[in-house]
């Protein structure tokens, strides 16, 4: 009888150990699965945000080309575009900005952003505003694919064109290469990021160009200086 009780005790003890091990394994597996699912969902949201950025970029260039075709590049020539078409293009430019504003909020709330990330998002935001301003003022955008250092206005337009593309690539990289395993930002970090990206001045000081004072320190950029931001 004692032997039978010992055998039954061993069985019960073994079963208990097996149940504990199974429970631990299930808990660990379930936790891992939930983490993987959360990471997959975050990755998909980042890719969806990147798709939205591509749409913003395409909408900007489509509206710019339509405005350029309708108006021409001669600053002296005004009132060439019919009021209805000008209003339509103005609304398109505003819609592009609105979509980017939505993307900024989404990115600030869902991603942990370094100061360089915030600066790139900030600078691109101001770059996008230039098209709406140009249409409102009945002026060409004044960006150029090719540079002409001998002509200050042309040189500035080329710098803006190159900067806009570099900033777009930088923000796209931020979204596409985001590590889905990163923990979500805290509430204060989210608020700080959004405030920095939508501020008048750049999130961080940038080395300004002071020909008369080469030893001058870095300054925070103003909105109209967005193209000087380093997207790296």
C-alpha atoms as a PDB file:
ATOM      1  CA  UNK A   1       0.000   0.000   0.000  1.00  0.00           C
ATOM      2  CA  UNK A   2       2.816   2.344   0.909  1.00  0.00           C
ATOM      3  CA  UNK A   3       4.455   1.523  -2.386  1.00  0.00           C
ATOM      4  CA  UNK A   4       1.269   2.374  -4.251  1.00  0.00           C
ATOM      5  CA  UNK A   5       0.985   5.673  -2.404  1.00  0.00           C
ATOM      6  CA  UNK A   6       4.587   6.493  -3.284  1.00  0.00           C
ATOM      7  CA  UNK A   7       3.919   5.755  -6.939  1.00  0.00           C
ATOM      8  CA  UNK A   8       0.775   7.891  -6.900  1.00  0.00           C
ATOM      9  CA  UNK A   9       2.676  10.684  -5.167  1.00  0.00           C
ATOM     10  CA  UNK A  10       5.393  10.578  -7.823  1.00  0.00           C
ATOM     11  CA  UNK A  11       2.752  10.697 -10.547  1.00  0.00           C
ATOM     12  CA  UNK A  12       0.988  13.653  -8.953  1.00  0.00           C
ATOM     13  CA  UNK A  13       4.267  15.454  -8.373  1.00  0.00           C
ATOM     14  CA  UNK A  14       5.368  14.794 -11.950  1.00  0.00           C
ATOM     15  CA  UNK A  15       2.041  15.966 -13.279  1.00  0.00           C
ATOM     16  CA  UNK A  16       2.244  19.138 -11.223  1.00  0.00           C
ATOM     17  CA  UNK A  17       5.728  19.870 -12.512  1.00  0.00           C
ATOM     18  CA  UNK A  18       4.584  19.197 -16.068  1.00  0.00           C
ATOM     19  CA  UNK A  19       1.625  21.537 -15.634  1.00  0.00           C
ATOM     20  CA  UNK A  20       3.852  24.285 -14.243  1.00  0.00           C
ATOM     21  CA  UNK A  21       6.327  23.872 -17.096  1.00  0.00           C
ATOM     22  CA  UNK A  22       3.491  23.873 -19.631  1.00  0.00           C
ATOM     23  CA  UNK A  23       2.000  27.001 -18.073  1.00  0.00           C
ATOM     24  CA  UNK A  24       5.339  28.792 -18.145  1.00  0.00           C
ATOM     25  CA  UNK A  25       5.897  27.731 -21.738  1.00  0.00           C
ATOM     26  CA  UNK A  26       2.419  28.867 -22.744  1.00  0.00           C
ATOM     27  CA  UNK A  27       2.836  32.194 -20.962  1.00  0.00           C
ATOM     28  CA  UNK A  28       6.218  32.784 -22.580  1.00  0.00           C
ATOM     29  CA  UNK A  29       4.983  31.755 -26.005  1.00  0.00           C
ATOM     30  CA  UNK A  30       1.852  33.884 -25.697  1.00  0.00           C
ATOM     31  CA  UNK A  31       3.846  36.893 -24.554  1.00  0.00           C
ATOM     32  CA  UNK A  32       6.301  36.468 -27.404  1.00  0.00           C
ATOM     33  CA  UNK A  33       3.452  36.120 -29.889  1.00  0.00           C
ATOM     34  CA  UNK A  34       1.783  39.274 -28.602  1.00  0.00           C
ATOM     35  CA  UNK A  35       5.051  41.178 -28.868  1.00  0.00           C
ATOM     36  CA  UNK A  36       5.569  39.935 -32.393  1.00  0.00           C
ATOM     37  CA  UNK A  37       2.041  40.909 -33.358  1.00  0.00           C
ATOM     38  CA  UNK A  38       2.481  44.373 -31.864  1.00  0.00           C
ATOM     39  CA  UNK A  39       5.793  44.813 -33.708  1.00  0.00           C
ATOM     40  CA  UNK A  40       4.219  43.673 -36.968  1.00  0.00           C
ATOM     41  CA  UNK A  41       1.352  46.132 -36.506  1.00  0.00           C
ATOM     42  CA  UNK A  42       3.763  49.001 -35.795  1.00  0.00           C
ATOM     43  CA  UNK A  43       5.837  48.115 -38.845  1.00  0.00           C
ATOM     44  CA  UNK A  44       2.750  48.136 -41.039  1.00  0.00           C
ATOM     45  CA  UNK A  45       1.724  51.528 -39.653  1.00  0.00           C
ATOM     46  CA  UNK A  46       5.179  52.928 -40.383  1.00  0.00           C
ATOM     47  CA  UNK A  47       5.012  51.669 -43.955  1.00  0.00           C
ATOM     48  CA  UNK A  48       1.518  53.147 -44.315  1.00  0.00           C
ATOM     49  CA  UNK A  49       2.903  56.480 -43.084  1.00  0.00           C
ATOM     50  CA  UNK A  50       5.667  56.236 -45.676  1.00  0.00           C
ATOM     51  CA  UNK A  51       3.029  55.671 -48.360  1.00  0.00           C
ATOM     52  CA  UNK A  52       1.299  58.845 -47.186  1.00  0.00           C
ATOM     53  CA  UNK A  53       4.582  60.742 -47.462  1.00  0.00           C
ATOM     54  CA  UNK A  54       4.989  59.522 -51.044  1.00  0.00           C
ATOM     55  CA  UNK A  55       1.485  60.784 -51.817  1.00  0.00           C
ATOM     56  CA  UNK A  56       2.328  64.171 -50.295  1.00  0.00           C
ATOM     57  CA  UNK A  57       5.474  64.358 -52.421  1.00  0.00           C
ATOM     58  CA  UNK A  58       3.606  63.432 -55.581  1.00  0.00           C
ATOM     59  CA  UNK A  59       0.796  65.879 -54.845  1.00  0.00           C
ATOM     60  CA  UNK A  60       3.283  68.676 -54.271  1.00  0.00           C
ATOM     61  CA  UNK A  61       5.073  68.140 -57.575  1.00  0.00           C
ATOM     62  CA  UNK A  62       1.838  67.694 -59.519  1.00  0.00           C
ATOM     63  CA  UNK A  63       0.465  70.983 -58.185  1.00  0.00           C
ATOM     64  CA  UNK A  64       3.784  72.756 -58.743  1.00  0.00           C
ATOM     65  CA  UNK A  65       4.003  71.622 -62.364  1.00  0.00           C
ATOM     66  CA  UNK A  66       0.390  72.614 -63.024  1.00  0.00           C
ATOM     67  CA  UNK A  67       1.031  76.064 -61.525  1.00  0.00           C
ATOM     68  CA  UNK A  68       4.261  76.477 -63.471  1.00  0.00           C
ATOM     69  CA  UNK A  69       2.576  75.476 -66.745  1.00  0.00           C
ATOM     70  CA  UNK A  70      -0.347  77.836 -66.156  1.00  0.00           C
ATOM     71  CA  UNK A  71       1.653  80.813 -64.953  1.00  0.00           C
ATOM     72  CA  UNK A  72       5.152  80.549 -66.396  1.00  0.00           C
ATOM     73  CA  UNK A  73       8.387  81.551 -64.641  1.00  0.00           C
ATOM     74  CA  UNK A  74       8.417  85.252 -65.436  1.00  0.00           C
ATOM     75  CA  UNK A  75       7.904  87.082 -62.133  1.00  0.00           C
ATOM     76  CA  UNK A  76       6.927  90.281 -63.910  1.00  0.00           C
ATOM     77  CA  UNK A  77       3.967  88.652 -65.629  1.00  0.00           C
ATOM     78  CA  UNK A  78       0.953  88.585 -63.310  1.00  0.00           C
ATOM     79  CA  UNK A  79      -2.772  87.849 -63.580  1.00  0.00           C
ATOM     80  CA  UNK A  80      -2.121  85.317 -66.316  1.00  0.00           C
ATOM     81  CA  UNK A  81      -3.858  82.432 -64.516  1.00  0.00           C
ATOM     82  CA  UNK A  82      -7.675  82.496 -64.386  1.00  0.00           C
ATOM     83  CA  UNK A  83      -8.970  83.101 -60.869  1.00  0.00           C
ATOM     84  CA  UNK A  84     -10.838  79.785 -60.785  1.00  0.00           C
ATOM     85  CA  UNK A  85      -7.750  77.765 -61.724  1.00  0.00           C
ATOM     86  CA  UNK A  86      -5.568  79.686 -59.308  1.00  0.00           C
ATOM     87  CA  UNK A  87      -8.022  79.015 -56.487  1.00  0.00           C
ATOM     88  CA  UNK A  88      -8.144  75.329 -57.405  1.00  0.00           C
ATOM     89  CA  UNK A  89      -4.361  75.020 -57.340  1.00  0.00           C
ATOM     90  CA  UNK A  90      -4.214  76.963 -54.096  1.00  0.00           C
ATOM     91  CA  UNK A  91      -6.624  74.479 -52.539  1.00  0.00           C
ATOM     92  CA  UNK A  92      -4.536  71.568 -53.843  1.00  0.00           C
ATOM     93  CA  UNK A  93      -1.381  73.035 -52.289  1.00  0.00           C
ATOM     94  CA  UNK A  94      -3.232  73.528 -48.998  1.00  0.00           C
ATOM     95  CA  UNK A  95      -4.451  69.928 -49.098  1.00  0.00           C
ATOM     96  CA  UNK A  96      -0.880  68.695 -49.568  1.00  0.00           C
ATOM     97  CA  UNK A  97       0.168  70.693 -46.508  1.00  0.00           C
ATOM     98  CA  UNK A  98      -2.759  69.348 -44.531  1.00  0.00           C
ATOM     99  CA  UNK A  99      -1.843  65.765 -45.322  1.00  0.00           C
ATOM    100  CA  UNK A 100       1.707  66.410 -44.202  1.00  0.00           C
ATOM    101  CA  UNK A 101       0.491  68.025 -40.963  1.00  0.00           C
ATOM    102  CA  UNK A 102      -1.455  64.833 -40.274  1.00  0.00           C
ATOM    103  CA  UNK A 103       1.663  62.801 -40.983  1.00  0.00           C
ATOM    104  CA  UNK A 104       3.684  64.976 -38.597  1.00  0.00           C
ATOM    105  CA  UNK A 105       1.231  64.335 -35.764  1.00  0.00           C
ATOM    106  CA  UNK A 106       1.215  60.630 -36.486  1.00  0.00           C
ATOM    107  CA  UNK A 107       5.002  60.416 -36.579  1.00  0.00           C
ATOM    108  CA  UNK A 108       5.494  62.491 -33.425  1.00  0.00           C
ATOM    109  CA  UNK A 109       3.037  60.377 -31.466  1.00  0.00           C
ATOM    110  CA  UNK A 110       4.150  56.947 -32.658  1.00  0.00           C
ATOM    111  CA  UNK A 111       7.938  57.249 -33.026  1.00  0.00           C
ATOM    112  CA  UNK A 112      10.819  58.076 -30.751  1.00  0.00           C
ATOM    113  CA  UNK A 113      12.465  60.936 -32.616  1.00  0.00           C
ATOM    114  CA  UNK A 114      16.038  62.136 -32.320  1.00  0.00           C
ATOM    115  CA  UNK A 115      16.660  65.854 -32.703  1.00  0.00           C
ATOM    116  CA  UNK A 116      17.866  65.257 -36.277  1.00  0.00           C
ATOM    117  CA  UNK A 117      14.566  63.511 -37.055  1.00  0.00           C
ATOM    118  CA  UNK A 118      12.607  66.432 -35.655  1.00  0.00           C
ATOM    119  CA  UNK A 119      14.695  68.902 -37.649  1.00  0.00           C
ATOM    120  CA  UNK A 120      14.109  67.043 -40.916  1.00  0.00           C
ATOM    121  CA  UNK A 121      10.356  66.934 -40.306  1.00  0.00           C
ATOM    122  CA  UNK A 122      10.387  70.626 -39.334  1.00  0.00           C
ATOM    123  CA  UNK A 123      12.338  71.704 -42.425  1.00  0.00           C
ATOM    124  CA  UNK A 124      10.228  69.695 -44.868  1.00  0.00           C
ATOM    125  CA  UNK A 125       7.106  71.234 -43.350  1.00  0.00           C
ATOM    126  CA  UNK A 126       8.320  74.732 -44.212  1.00  0.00           C
ATOM    127  CA  UNK A 127       9.494  73.646 -47.644  1.00  0.00           C
ATOM    128  CA  UNK A 128       5.988  72.471 -48.484  1.00  0.00           C
ATOM    129  CA  UNK A 129       4.555  75.856 -47.485  1.00  0.00           C
ATOM    130  CA  UNK A 130       6.455  77.663 -50.238  1.00  0.00           C
ATOM    131  CA  UNK A 131       4.195  76.437 -53.027  1.00  0.00           C
ATOM    132  CA  UNK A 132       1.007  77.732 -51.399  1.00  0.00           C
ATOM    133  CA  UNK A 133       2.737  81.048 -50.731  1.00  0.00           C
ATOM    134  CA  UNK A 134       3.846  81.313 -54.358  1.00  0.00           C
ATOM    135  CA  UNK A 135       0.341  80.627 -55.687  1.00  0.00           C
ATOM    136  CA  UNK A 136      -1.224  83.074 -53.222  1.00  0.00           C
ATOM    137  CA  UNK A 137       1.234  85.798 -54.284  1.00  0.00           C
ATOM    138  CA  UNK A 138       0.873  84.952 -58.001  1.00  0.00           C
ATOM    139  CA  UNK A 139       4.593  84.195 -58.247  1.00  0.00           C
ATOM    140  CA  UNK A 140       6.632  81.283 -59.587  1.00  0.00           C
ATOM    141  CA  UNK A 141       7.969  78.843 -57.021  1.00  0.00           C
ATOM    142  CA  UNK A 142      11.478  79.610 -58.224  1.00  0.00           C
ATOM    143  CA  UNK A 143      13.058  76.213 -57.649  1.00  0.00           C
ATOM    144  CA  UNK A 144      15.514  74.850 -60.212  1.00  0.00           C
ATOM    145  CA  UNK A 145      16.975  71.438 -60.978  1.00  0.00           C
ATOM    146  CA  UNK A 146      20.254  72.947 -62.154  1.00  0.00           C
ATOM    147  CA  UNK A 147      22.419  75.424 -60.293  1.00  0.00           C
ATOM    148  CA  UNK A 148      23.770  78.770 -61.486  1.00  0.00           C
ATOM    149  CA  UNK A 149      26.043  80.189 -58.772  1.00  0.00           C
ATOM    150  CA  UNK A 150      26.452  83.392 -60.786  1.00  0.00           C
ATOM    151  CA  UNK A 151      22.740  84.181 -60.356  1.00  0.00           C
ATOM    152  CA  UNK A 152      21.808  84.453 -56.657  1.00  0.00           C
ATOM    153  CA  UNK A 153      18.102  83.830 -57.206  1.00  0.00           C
ATOM    154  CA  UNK A 154      18.742  80.797 -59.420  1.00  0.00           C
ATOM    155  CA  UNK A 155      21.350  79.468 -56.993  1.00  0.00           C
ATOM    156  CA  UNK A 156      18.924  79.765 -54.090  1.00  0.00           C
ATOM    157  CA  UNK A 157      16.209  77.988 -56.092  1.00  0.00           C
ATOM    158  CA  UNK A 158      18.583  75.112 -56.856  1.00  0.00           C
ATOM    159  CA  UNK A 159      19.531  74.797 -53.189  1.00  0.00           C
ATOM    160  CA  UNK A 160      15.877  74.582 -52.208  1.00  0.00           C
ATOM    161  CA  UNK A 161      15.155  71.967 -54.861  1.00  0.00           C
ATOM    162  CA  UNK A 162      18.031  69.751 -53.708  1.00  0.00           C
ATOM    163  CA  UNK A 163      17.183  70.281 -50.027  1.00  0.00           C
ATOM    164  CA  UNK A 164      13.540  69.375 -50.548  1.00  0.00           C
ATOM    165  CA  UNK A 165      14.443  66.054 -52.140  1.00  0.00           C
ATOM    166  CA  UNK A 166      17.065  65.268 -49.488  1.00  0.00           C
ATOM    167  CA  UNK A 167      14.635  66.046 -46.674  1.00  0.00           C
ATOM    168  CA  UNK A 168      11.927  63.900 -48.238  1.00  0.00           C
ATOM    169  CA  UNK A 169      14.372  61.005 -48.467  1.00  0.00           C
ATOM    170  CA  UNK A 170      15.409  61.563 -44.839  1.00  0.00           C
ATOM    171  CA  UNK A 171      11.834  61.482 -43.543  1.00  0.00           C
ATOM    172  CA  UNK A 172      11.057  58.420 -45.676  1.00  0.00           C
ATOM    173  CA  UNK A 173      14.093  56.661 -44.211  1.00  0.00           C
ATOM    174  CA  UNK A 174      12.875  57.504 -40.719  1.00  0.00           C
ATOM    175  CA  UNK A 175       9.560  55.763 -41.424  1.00  0.00           C
ATOM    176  CA  UNK A 176      10.722  52.805 -43.509  1.00  0.00           C
ATOM    177  CA  UNK A 177      13.684  51.911 -41.294  1.00  0.00           C
ATOM    178  CA  UNK A 178      11.887  52.417 -37.972  1.00  0.00           C
ATOM    179  CA  UNK A 179      12.546  49.553 -35.566  1.00  0.00           C
ATOM    180  CA  UNK A 180       9.112  48.142 -34.657  1.00  0.00           C
ATOM    181  CA  UNK A 181      10.571  46.734 -31.434  1.00  0.00           C
ATOM    182  CA  UNK A 182      11.282  50.206 -30.030  1.00  0.00           C
ATOM    183  CA  UNK A 183       9.097  51.163 -27.117  1.00  0.00           C
ATOM    184  CA  UNK A 184       6.520  53.851 -27.722  1.00  0.00           C
ATOM    185  CA  UNK A 185       7.437  57.392 -26.662  1.00  0.00           C
ATOM    186  CA  UNK A 186       6.143  58.722 -23.360  1.00  0.00           C
ATOM    187  CA  UNK A 187       3.410  61.349 -23.317  1.00  0.00           C
ATOM    188  CA  UNK A 188       5.840  64.187 -22.536  1.00  0.00           C
ATOM    189  CA  UNK A 189       8.176  63.055 -25.318  1.00  0.00           C
ATOM    190  CA  UNK A 190       5.297  63.040 -27.794  1.00  0.00           C
ATOM    191  CA  UNK A 191       4.219  66.536 -26.818  1.00  0.00           C
ATOM    192  CA  UNK A 192       7.784  67.860 -26.978  1.00  0.00           C
ATOM    193  CA  UNK A 193       8.353  66.325 -30.411  1.00  0.00           C
ATOM    194  CA  UNK A 194       5.163  67.754 -31.880  1.00  0.00           C
ATOM    195  CA  UNK A 195       5.859  71.201 -30.436  1.00  0.00           C
ATOM    196  CA  UNK A 196       9.423  71.170 -31.805  1.00  0.00           C
ATOM    197  CA  UNK A 197       8.407  70.066 -35.307  1.00  0.00           C
ATOM    198  CA  UNK A 198       5.660  72.687 -35.610  1.00  0.00           C
ATOM    199  CA  UNK A 199       7.650  75.542 -34.038  1.00  0.00           C
ATOM    200  CA  UNK A 200       8.784  78.706 -35.833  1.00  0.00           C
ATOM    201  CA  UNK A 201      12.469  77.989 -35.156  1.00  0.00           C
ATOM    202  CA  UNK A 202      14.343  74.775 -35.891  1.00  0.00           C
ATOM    203  CA  UNK A 203      14.402  72.125 -33.130  1.00  0.00           C
ATOM    204  CA  UNK A 204      18.165  72.394 -32.768  1.00  0.00           C
ATOM    205  CA  UNK A 205      20.845  74.959 -33.602  1.00  0.00           C
ATOM    206  CA  UNK A 206      22.358  74.656 -37.068  1.00  0.00           C
ATOM    207  CA  UNK A 207      25.698  76.057 -38.152  1.00  0.00           C
ATOM    208  CA  UNK A 208      24.750  79.219 -39.999  1.00  0.00           C
ATOM    209  CA  UNK A 209      26.622  80.834 -42.856  1.00  0.00           C
ATOM    210  CA  UNK A 210      28.322  84.018 -41.663  1.00  0.00           C
ATOM    211  CA  UNK A 211      30.937  85.035 -44.258  1.00  0.00           C
ATOM    212  CA  UNK A 212      32.076  87.960 -42.097  1.00  0.00           C
ATOM    213  CA  UNK A 213      32.392  85.844 -38.971  1.00  0.00           C
ATOM    214  CA  UNK A 214      33.589  82.297 -39.766  1.00  0.00           C
ATOM    215  CA  UNK A 215      34.028  81.523 -36.062  1.00  0.00           C
ATOM    216  CA  UNK A 216      30.412  82.271 -35.210  1.00  0.00           C
ATOM    217  CA  UNK A 217      28.467  79.569 -33.407  1.00  0.00           C
ATOM    218  CA  UNK A 218      25.376  77.698 -34.543  1.00  0.00           C
ATOM    219  CA  UNK A 219      21.952  79.356 -34.541  1.00  0.00           C
ATOM    220  CA  UNK A 220      18.418  78.053 -34.728  1.00  0.00           C
ATOM    221  CA  UNK A 221      16.995  78.432 -38.204  1.00  0.00           C
ATOM    222  CA  UNK A 222      13.921  80.463 -39.029  1.00  0.00           C
ATOM    223  CA  UNK A 223      11.182  78.974 -41.159  1.00  0.00           C
ATOM    224  CA  UNK A 224      12.334  80.695 -44.354  1.00  0.00           C
ATOM    225  CA  UNK A 225      15.797  79.162 -43.838  1.00  0.00           C
ATOM    226  CA  UNK A 226      14.477  75.591 -43.867  1.00  0.00           C
ATOM    227  CA  UNK A 227      16.667  74.583 -46.820  1.00  0.00           C
ATOM    228  CA  UNK A 228      19.816  75.023 -44.685  1.00  0.00           C
ATOM    229  CA  UNK A 229      18.850  72.182 -42.365  1.00  0.00           C
ATOM    230  CA  UNK A 230      21.161  69.188 -42.613  1.00  0.00           C
ATOM    231  CA  UNK A 231      18.986  66.079 -43.228  1.00  0.00           C
ATOM    232  CA  UNK A 232      21.694  63.609 -42.173  1.00  0.00           C
END
